[in-house]
């Protein structure tokens, strides 16, 4: 069984890789975690307190416990399985099971984005959806507004 420090190091490394657009130093500032602390965690030599792990997890929109699950994948984060009485903490179960794999991937990517990126993505998706709907054979929404 891997050491908890190793698991956390692997998880933090994977999270940092999702934000290659920004340096670790700048990420540490945004997270409110000292760069040296973040570096020690990443390389498995740190001994972070619970608050530090929570800060890192919250920044990436995860729960602290998820970073301590062996094999953590930011695109397929572990979820609590509450469907049975047996404890399945840490099993990588997608929270929504009726999605196709591409939809699940999109949802996973969306969850790791920060709020500005989420807003931007949603605005573009809504614009695309509206444009797509307007080209389909359906009722003309504009004419209904004008008739009212």
C-alpha atoms as a PDB file:
ATOM      1  CA  UNK A   1       0.000   0.000   0.000  1.00  0.00           C
ATOM      2  CA  UNK A   2       1.452   3.381  -0.978  1.00  0.00           C
ATOM      3  CA  UNK A   3       2.394   5.879   1.692  1.00  0.00           C
ATOM      4  CA  UNK A   4      -0.101   8.712   2.271  1.00  0.00           C
ATOM      5  CA  UNK A   5       2.589  11.267   1.400  1.00  0.00           C
ATOM      6  CA  UNK A   6       3.202   9.484  -1.907  1.00  0.00           C
ATOM      7  CA  UNK A   7      -0.512   9.410  -2.701  1.00  0.00           C
ATOM      8  CA  UNK A   8      -0.868  13.111  -1.903  1.00  0.00           C
ATOM      9  CA  UNK A   9       2.250  13.901  -3.943  1.00  0.00           C
ATOM     10  CA  UNK A  10       0.842  12.058  -6.960  1.00  0.00           C
ATOM     11  CA  UNK A  11      -2.541  13.760  -6.584  1.00  0.00           C
ATOM     12  CA  UNK A  12      -1.043  17.244  -6.266  1.00  0.00           C
ATOM     13  CA  UNK A  13       1.234  16.591  -9.247  1.00  0.00           C
ATOM     14  CA  UNK A  14      -1.782  15.600 -11.354  1.00  0.00           C
ATOM     15  CA  UNK A  15      -3.688  18.689 -10.228  1.00  0.00           C
ATOM     16  CA  UNK A  16      -0.780  20.988 -11.033  1.00  0.00           C
ATOM     17  CA  UNK A  17      -0.545  19.416 -14.487  1.00  0.00           C
ATOM     18  CA  UNK A  18      -4.120  20.537 -15.175  1.00  0.00           C
ATOM     19  CA  UNK A  19      -2.968  24.155 -14.844  1.00  0.00           C
ATOM     20  CA  UNK A  20       0.139  24.239 -17.015  1.00  0.00           C
ATOM     21  CA  UNK A  21      -0.897  27.711 -18.130  1.00  0.00           C
ATOM     22  CA  UNK A  22       0.316  29.159 -14.826  1.00  0.00           C
ATOM     23  CA  UNK A  23       3.492  28.652 -12.818  1.00  0.00           C
ATOM     24  CA  UNK A  24       3.549  26.717  -9.572  1.00  0.00           C
ATOM     25  CA  UNK A  25       4.635  29.911  -7.797  1.00  0.00           C
ATOM     26  CA  UNK A  26       1.579  31.798  -9.049  1.00  0.00           C
ATOM     27  CA  UNK A  27      -0.687  28.846  -8.280  1.00  0.00           C
ATOM     28  CA  UNK A  28       0.652  28.693  -4.744  1.00  0.00           C
ATOM     29  CA  UNK A  29      -0.119  32.391  -4.299  1.00  0.00           C
ATOM     30  CA  UNK A  30      -3.654  31.911  -5.616  1.00  0.00           C
ATOM     31  CA  UNK A  31      -4.164  28.936  -3.293  1.00  0.00           C
ATOM     32  CA  UNK A  32      -2.734  30.716  -0.281  1.00  0.00           C
ATOM     33  CA  UNK A  33      -0.121  27.993   0.183  1.00  0.00           C
ATOM     34  CA  UNK A  34       3.592  28.776   0.332  1.00  0.00           C
ATOM     35  CA  UNK A  35       5.433  27.681  -2.806  1.00  0.00           C
ATOM     36  CA  UNK A  36       7.993  25.786  -0.730  1.00  0.00           C
ATOM     37  CA  UNK A  37       5.199  23.911   1.031  1.00  0.00           C
ATOM     38  CA  UNK A  38       3.553  23.083  -2.283  1.00  0.00           C
ATOM     39  CA  UNK A  39       6.883  21.891  -3.681  1.00  0.00           C
ATOM     40  CA  UNK A  40       7.552  19.664  -0.673  1.00  0.00           C
ATOM     41  CA  UNK A  41       4.067  18.168  -0.972  1.00  0.00           C
ATOM     42  CA  UNK A  42       4.539  17.593  -4.701  1.00  0.00           C
ATOM     43  CA  UNK A  43       7.807  15.745  -4.138  1.00  0.00           C
ATOM     44  CA  UNK A  44       6.534  13.755  -1.162  1.00  0.00           C
ATOM     45  CA  UNK A  45       8.833  15.298   1.422  1.00  0.00           C
ATOM     46  CA  UNK A  46       6.328  17.650   3.024  1.00  0.00           C
ATOM     47  CA  UNK A  47       4.203  17.064   6.069  1.00  0.00           C
ATOM     48  CA  UNK A  48       1.196  19.295   5.376  1.00  0.00           C
ATOM     49  CA  UNK A  49      -1.507  19.939   7.902  1.00  0.00           C
ATOM     50  CA  UNK A  50      -5.153  19.262   7.150  1.00  0.00           C
ATOM     51  CA  UNK A  51      -5.867  22.929   6.420  1.00  0.00           C
ATOM     52  CA  UNK A  52      -3.198  23.011   3.711  1.00  0.00           C
ATOM     53  CA  UNK A  53      -4.600  19.904   2.029  1.00  0.00           C
ATOM     54  CA  UNK A  54      -8.069  21.465   2.218  1.00  0.00           C
ATOM     55  CA  UNK A  55      -6.830  24.710   0.647  1.00  0.00           C
ATOM     56  CA  UNK A  56      -5.289  22.839  -2.268  1.00  0.00           C
ATOM     57  CA  UNK A  57      -8.363  20.662  -2.741  1.00  0.00           C
ATOM     58  CA  UNK A  58     -10.772  23.612  -2.557  1.00  0.00           C
ATOM     59  CA  UNK A  59      -8.753  25.574  -5.094  1.00  0.00           C
ATOM     60  CA  UNK A  60      -9.201  22.751  -7.596  1.00  0.00           C
ATOM     61  CA  UNK A  61     -12.841  22.195  -6.518  1.00  0.00           C
ATOM     62  CA  UNK A  62     -12.307  18.862  -4.794  1.00  0.00           C
ATOM     63  CA  UNK A  63     -12.714  17.567  -1.272  1.00  0.00           C
ATOM     64  CA  UNK A  64      -9.528  16.992   0.721  1.00  0.00           C
ATOM     65  CA  UNK A  65     -10.215  13.268   1.117  1.00  0.00           C
ATOM     66  CA  UNK A  66     -10.263  12.827  -2.660  1.00  0.00           C
ATOM     67  CA  UNK A  67      -6.598  13.826  -2.865  1.00  0.00           C
ATOM     68  CA  UNK A  68      -5.757  11.004  -0.469  1.00  0.00           C
ATOM     69  CA  UNK A  69      -7.245   8.257  -2.632  1.00  0.00           C
ATOM     70  CA  UNK A  70      -4.643   6.171  -4.431  1.00  0.00           C
ATOM     71  CA  UNK A  71      -4.839   6.598  -8.200  1.00  0.00           C
ATOM     72  CA  UNK A  72      -6.596   9.976  -7.988  1.00  0.00           C
ATOM     73  CA  UNK A  73      -7.530  11.286 -11.436  1.00  0.00           C
ATOM     74  CA  UNK A  74      -8.829  14.872 -11.707  1.00  0.00           C
ATOM     75  CA  UNK A  75     -10.924  13.884 -14.717  1.00  0.00           C
ATOM     76  CA  UNK A  76     -12.479  10.931 -12.899  1.00  0.00           C
ATOM     77  CA  UNK A  77     -12.391  11.905  -9.234  1.00  0.00           C
ATOM     78  CA  UNK A  78     -13.290   9.379  -6.580  1.00  0.00           C
ATOM     79  CA  UNK A  79     -16.810   9.653  -5.242  1.00  0.00           C
ATOM     80  CA  UNK A  80     -18.562   8.301  -2.218  1.00  0.00           C
ATOM     81  CA  UNK A  81     -20.730   5.376  -3.187  1.00  0.00           C
ATOM     82  CA  UNK A  82     -23.864   5.691  -1.107  1.00  0.00           C
ATOM     83  CA  UNK A  83     -25.843   3.150  -3.106  1.00  0.00           C
ATOM     84  CA  UNK A  84     -24.982   0.195  -0.870  1.00  0.00           C
ATOM     85  CA  UNK A  85     -24.463  -0.455   2.796  1.00  0.00           C
ATOM     86  CA  UNK A  86     -20.853  -1.538   2.288  1.00  0.00           C
ATOM     87  CA  UNK A  87     -18.294   1.217   2.541  1.00  0.00           C
ATOM     88  CA  UNK A  88     -16.900   2.130  -0.860  1.00  0.00           C
ATOM     89  CA  UNK A  89     -15.061   5.303   0.005  1.00  0.00           C
ATOM     90  CA  UNK A  90     -12.528   6.085  -2.644  1.00  0.00           C
ATOM     91  CA  UNK A  91     -13.966   4.037  -5.447  1.00  0.00           C
ATOM     92  CA  UNK A  92     -13.931   5.952  -8.693  1.00  0.00           C
ATOM     93  CA  UNK A  93     -17.657   6.013  -9.346  1.00  0.00           C
ATOM     94  CA  UNK A  94     -18.975   8.759 -11.605  1.00  0.00           C
ATOM     95  CA  UNK A  95     -21.608  10.748  -9.730  1.00  0.00           C
ATOM     96  CA  UNK A  96     -23.973  10.648 -12.712  1.00  0.00           C
ATOM     97  CA  UNK A  97     -24.295   7.265 -14.369  1.00  0.00           C
ATOM     98  CA  UNK A  98     -26.717   7.965 -17.192  1.00  0.00           C
ATOM     99  CA  UNK A  99     -24.220  10.021 -19.211  1.00  0.00           C
ATOM    100  CA  UNK A 100     -22.330   8.864 -22.278  1.00  0.00           C
ATOM    101  CA  UNK A 101     -18.551   8.726 -21.879  1.00  0.00           C
ATOM    102  CA  UNK A 102     -18.017  11.985 -23.785  1.00  0.00           C
ATOM    103  CA  UNK A 103     -20.632  13.721 -21.620  1.00  0.00           C
ATOM    104  CA  UNK A 104     -18.971  12.366 -18.473  1.00  0.00           C
ATOM    105  CA  UNK A 105     -15.597  13.612 -19.714  1.00  0.00           C
ATOM    106  CA  UNK A 106     -17.034  17.063 -20.374  1.00  0.00           C
ATOM    107  CA  UNK A 107     -18.548  17.158 -16.888  1.00  0.00           C
ATOM    108  CA  UNK A 108     -15.244  16.085 -15.325  1.00  0.00           C
ATOM    109  CA  UNK A 109     -13.359  18.793 -17.199  1.00  0.00           C
ATOM    110  CA  UNK A 110     -15.971  21.380 -16.235  1.00  0.00           C
ATOM    111  CA  UNK A 111     -15.568  20.490 -12.557  1.00  0.00           C
ATOM    112  CA  UNK A 112     -11.852  21.267 -12.516  1.00  0.00           C
ATOM    113  CA  UNK A 113     -12.277  24.699 -14.097  1.00  0.00           C
ATOM    114  CA  UNK A 114     -12.249  27.857 -12.023  1.00  0.00           C
ATOM    115  CA  UNK A 115     -15.314  30.094 -11.954  1.00  0.00           C
ATOM    116  CA  UNK A 116     -14.273  32.505 -14.745  1.00  0.00           C
ATOM    117  CA  UNK A 117     -13.576  29.604 -17.101  1.00  0.00           C
ATOM    118  CA  UNK A 118     -16.878  27.942 -16.152  1.00  0.00           C
ATOM    119  CA  UNK A 119     -18.789  31.150 -16.843  1.00  0.00           C
ATOM    120  CA  UNK A 120     -17.034  31.607 -20.186  1.00  0.00           C
ATOM    121  CA  UNK A 121     -17.726  28.015 -21.180  1.00  0.00           C
ATOM    122  CA  UNK A 122     -21.392  28.251 -20.166  1.00  0.00           C
ATOM    123  CA  UNK A 123     -21.921  31.484 -22.097  1.00  0.00           C
ATOM    124  CA  UNK A 124     -20.406  29.932 -25.206  1.00  0.00           C
ATOM    125  CA  UNK A 125     -22.420  26.736 -24.781  1.00  0.00           C
ATOM    126  CA  UNK A 126     -25.649  28.704 -24.378  1.00  0.00           C
ATOM    127  CA  UNK A 127     -24.822  30.792 -27.441  1.00  0.00           C
ATOM    128  CA  UNK A 128     -24.067  27.683 -29.463  1.00  0.00           C
ATOM    129  CA  UNK A 129     -27.245  26.018 -28.256  1.00  0.00           C
ATOM    130  CA  UNK A 130     -29.340  29.046 -29.187  1.00  0.00           C
ATOM    131  CA  UNK A 131     -27.747  29.249 -32.634  1.00  0.00           C
ATOM    132  CA  UNK A 132     -28.235  25.516 -33.156  1.00  0.00           C
ATOM    133  CA  UNK A 133     -31.876  25.678 -32.062  1.00  0.00           C
ATOM    134  CA  UNK A 134     -32.513  28.572 -34.422  1.00  0.00           C
ATOM    135  CA  UNK A 135     -31.358  26.492 -37.398  1.00  0.00           C
ATOM    136  CA  UNK A 136     -33.595  23.512 -36.580  1.00  0.00           C
ATOM    137  CA  UNK A 137     -37.089  22.991 -37.975  1.00  0.00           C
ATOM    138  CA  UNK A 138     -39.100  24.282 -35.090  1.00  0.00           C
ATOM    139  CA  UNK A 139     -41.299  27.181 -34.142  1.00  0.00           C
ATOM    140  CA  UNK A 140     -39.815  30.598 -34.746  1.00  0.00           C
ATOM    141  CA  UNK A 141     -39.401  32.011 -31.256  1.00  0.00           C
ATOM    142  CA  UNK A 142     -38.899  35.573 -32.512  1.00  0.00           C
ATOM    143  CA  UNK A 143     -42.231  35.597 -34.321  1.00  0.00           C
ATOM    144  CA  UNK A 144     -44.015  34.440 -31.160  1.00  0.00           C
ATOM    145  CA  UNK A 145     -42.530  37.332 -29.200  1.00  0.00           C
ATOM    146  CA  UNK A 146     -43.644  39.820 -31.804  1.00  0.00           C
ATOM    147  CA  UNK A 147     -47.187  38.447 -31.818  1.00  0.00           C
ATOM    148  CA  UNK A 148     -47.665  38.898 -28.082  1.00  0.00           C
END
